[in-house]
């Protein structure tokens, strides 16, 4: 009886442990609609992104709009100048909303995705990305409450 009870408890707790754990390799190196991880040796240009909070409580990216060309490899130099932890995630709007919903359920989820970087206050990091498809995409901070506080932006990828 105890063994059956223990087995039931483990079976019920396993999905939570997996979902709340690391998001490592979530997208791997497969191409996504927004593109794929870039090669640091083949960067075409760098774009500085600053994440911060404003005095009136908004959370922002500067710039909030970026234009690139299909095939271009960008080194996003991401700096968190704010007082809170933030993240920079690139994806389609639909995938951003799916990821945002998951983050609302599991806010302590850790990530190891090539299209994202999570930074503590006053730190910096980078994302190297190749935009392979023309279209309109997003970047945002999916930590609960941050996207709603204005922490989102657009990436317009022009056909080559």
Protein backbone atom coordinates (compact mmCIF):
# COMPACT_ATOMS: atom_id res chain seq x y z
CA UNK A 1 0.00 0.00 0.00
CA UNK A 2 2.78 2.46 0.90
CA UNK A 3 4.61 1.64 -2.31
CA UNK A 4 1.48 2.29 -4.38
CA UNK A 5 0.90 5.59 -2.56
CA UNK A 6 4.52 6.66 -3.11
CA UNK A 7 4.32 5.72 -6.79
CA UNK A 8 1.11 7.76 -7.17
CA UNK A 9 2.68 10.78 -5.48
CA UNK A 10 5.74 10.60 -7.73
CA UNK A 11 3.62 10.23 -10.84
CA UNK A 12 1.54 13.28 -9.89
CA UNK A 13 4.56 15.40 -8.98
CA UNK A 14 6.66 14.59 -12.05
CA UNK A 15 4.92 16.96 -14.52
CA UNK A 16 5.35 19.85 -12.10
CA UNK A 17 9.01 19.07 -11.54
CA UNK A 18 9.65 18.90 -15.26
CA UNK A 19 7.61 22.00 -16.10
CA UNK A 20 9.02 24.06 -13.26
CA UNK A 21 12.57 23.02 -13.96
CA UNK A 22 15.02 24.21 -16.52
CA UNK A 23 13.84 25.24 -19.95
CA UNK A 24 17.29 24.23 -21.19
CA UNK A 25 17.56 23.57 -24.88
CA UNK A 26 13.92 24.44 -25.33
CA UNK A 27 14.44 25.47 -28.92
CA UNK A 28 17.84 23.92 -29.41
CA UNK A 29 19.57 24.88 -32.58
CA UNK A 30 16.59 24.23 -34.82
CA UNK A 31 15.41 27.02 -37.02
CA UNK A 32 12.41 28.90 -35.69
CA UNK A 33 10.10 31.27 -37.57
CA UNK A 34 12.14 34.21 -36.26
CA UNK A 35 15.40 32.60 -37.41
CA UNK A 36 18.17 30.61 -35.77
CA UNK A 37 21.17 31.00 -33.48
CA UNK A 38 23.89 32.96 -35.23
CA UNK A 39 27.59 32.28 -35.60
CA UNK A 40 29.65 34.78 -33.58
CA UNK A 41 32.31 34.74 -36.31
CA UNK A 42 29.75 35.86 -38.92
CA UNK A 43 28.05 38.79 -37.16
CA UNK A 44 27.00 41.53 -39.61
CA UNK A 45 26.41 44.18 -36.96
CA UNK A 46 25.71 44.79 -33.29
CA UNK A 47 22.57 46.35 -31.84
CA UNK A 48 22.57 47.67 -28.28
CA UNK A 49 19.43 46.96 -26.25
CA UNK A 50 18.87 48.58 -22.85
CA UNK A 51 16.32 47.17 -20.39
CA UNK A 52 15.12 49.38 -17.55
CA UNK A 53 12.26 50.72 -15.48
CA UNK A 54 10.98 54.29 -15.62
CA UNK A 55 10.16 56.54 -12.67
CA UNK A 56 6.44 56.09 -13.37
CA UNK A 57 6.64 52.27 -13.17
CA UNK A 58 6.84 51.36 -16.84
CA UNK A 59 9.34 48.75 -17.96
CA UNK A 60 10.99 49.42 -21.30
CA UNK A 61 13.41 48.37 -23.98
CA UNK A 62 15.44 51.00 -25.78
CA UNK A 63 15.08 50.89 -28.69
CA UNK A 64 11.59 49.42 -28.80
CA UNK A 65 11.72 48.88 -32.56
CA UNK A 66 14.44 47.28 -34.68
CA UNK A 67 14.79 46.75 -38.44
CA UNK A 68 17.04 44.09 -39.96
CA UNK A 69 17.34 42.23 -43.26
CA UNK A 70 16.64 38.56 -43.87
CA UNK A 71 19.93 36.68 -43.71
CA UNK A 72 21.53 39.24 -41.40
CA UNK A 73 23.28 38.00 -38.25
CA UNK A 74 22.93 40.39 -35.32
CA UNK A 75 24.80 40.52 -32.03
CA UNK A 76 22.29 41.92 -29.55
CA UNK A 77 24.30 43.50 -26.76
CA UNK A 78 21.74 43.51 -23.97
CA UNK A 79 22.24 45.67 -20.86
CA UNK A 80 19.96 45.68 -17.86
CA UNK A 81 20.40 49.14 -16.33
CA UNK A 82 17.35 48.66 -14.13
CA UNK A 83 16.81 47.69 -10.52
CA UNK A 84 14.96 44.44 -11.35
CA UNK A 85 15.77 41.23 -13.19
CA UNK A 86 14.69 41.31 -16.86
CA UNK A 87 14.94 39.13 -19.94
CA UNK A 88 15.21 39.61 -23.68
CA UNK A 89 13.37 36.97 -25.73
CA UNK A 90 12.98 36.93 -29.55
CA UNK A 91 10.08 35.06 -31.19
CA UNK A 92 6.76 35.33 -33.02
CA UNK A 93 3.86 36.94 -31.18
CA UNK A 94 2.10 33.57 -30.88
CA UNK A 95 5.16 31.84 -29.38
CA UNK A 96 5.76 34.78 -27.05
CA UNK A 97 2.21 34.48 -25.69
CA UNK A 98 2.63 30.70 -25.18
CA UNK A 99 5.93 31.26 -23.36
CA UNK A 100 4.41 34.11 -21.32
CA UNK A 101 1.55 31.85 -20.14
CA UNK A 102 4.06 29.19 -19.10
CA UNK A 103 6.13 31.79 -17.23
CA UNK A 104 3.00 32.90 -15.35
CA UNK A 105 2.53 29.32 -14.12
CA UNK A 106 6.23 28.75 -13.34
CA UNK A 107 7.89 32.17 -12.72
CA UNK A 108 11.14 30.66 -11.42
CA UNK A 109 11.68 28.63 -14.61
CA UNK A 110 15.28 28.80 -15.79
CA UNK A 111 16.09 29.19 -19.49
CA UNK A 112 18.88 28.11 -21.74
CA UNK A 113 17.48 29.15 -25.10
CA UNK A 114 19.64 30.72 -27.79
CA UNK A 115 16.92 33.30 -28.57
CA UNK A 116 16.87 34.65 -25.00
CA UNK A 117 18.98 36.06 -22.19
CA UNK A 118 17.89 36.71 -18.60
CA UNK A 119 19.86 39.33 -16.68
CA UNK A 120 20.01 40.48 -13.10
CA UNK A 121 20.11 44.18 -12.27
CA UNK A 122 23.06 46.14 -13.64
CA UNK A 123 24.37 43.23 -15.76
CA UNK A 124 24.78 42.59 -19.46
CA UNK A 125 24.72 39.71 -21.92
CA UNK A 126 24.19 38.96 -25.57
CA UNK A 127 22.14 37.03 -28.07
CA UNK A 128 23.60 36.29 -31.50
CA UNK A 129 20.82 35.68 -33.98
CA UNK A 130 20.42 35.10 -37.72
CA UNK A 131 17.12 36.33 -39.12
CA UNK A 132 16.32 33.92 -41.92
CA UNK A 133 12.72 34.91 -42.66
CA UNK A 134 11.15 38.22 -43.60
CA UNK A 135 8.27 39.37 -41.42
CA UNK A 136 7.30 41.07 -38.19
CA UNK A 137 8.49 39.53 -34.94
CA UNK A 138 8.71 40.50 -31.27
CA UNK A 139 11.09 40.77 -28.41
CA UNK A 140 9.97 41.05 -24.83
CA UNK A 141 10.49 40.33 -21.17
CA UNK A 142 8.26 37.44 -20.12
CA UNK A 143 8.87 37.65 -16.38
CA UNK A 144 5.31 37.91 -14.96
CA UNK A 145 4.02 41.48 -15.14
CA UNK A 146 6.89 42.91 -17.19
CA UNK A 147 5.38 42.46 -20.68
CA UNK A 148 2.15 44.08 -19.45
CA UNK A 149 4.19 46.98 -18.03
CA UNK A 150 5.44 47.81 -21.53
CA UNK A 151 8.50 45.60 -21.82
CA UNK A 152 8.07 44.56 -25.45
CA UNK A 153 9.26 45.62 -28.85
CA UNK A 154 9.13 44.80 -32.55
CA UNK A 155 11.62 43.42 -35.04
CA UNK A 156 10.85 44.05 -38.69
CA UNK A 157 12.79 41.75 -40.99
CA UNK A 158 12.91 43.00 -44.59
CA UNK A 159 13.28 40.59 -47.49
CA UNK A 160 16.80 40.54 -48.86
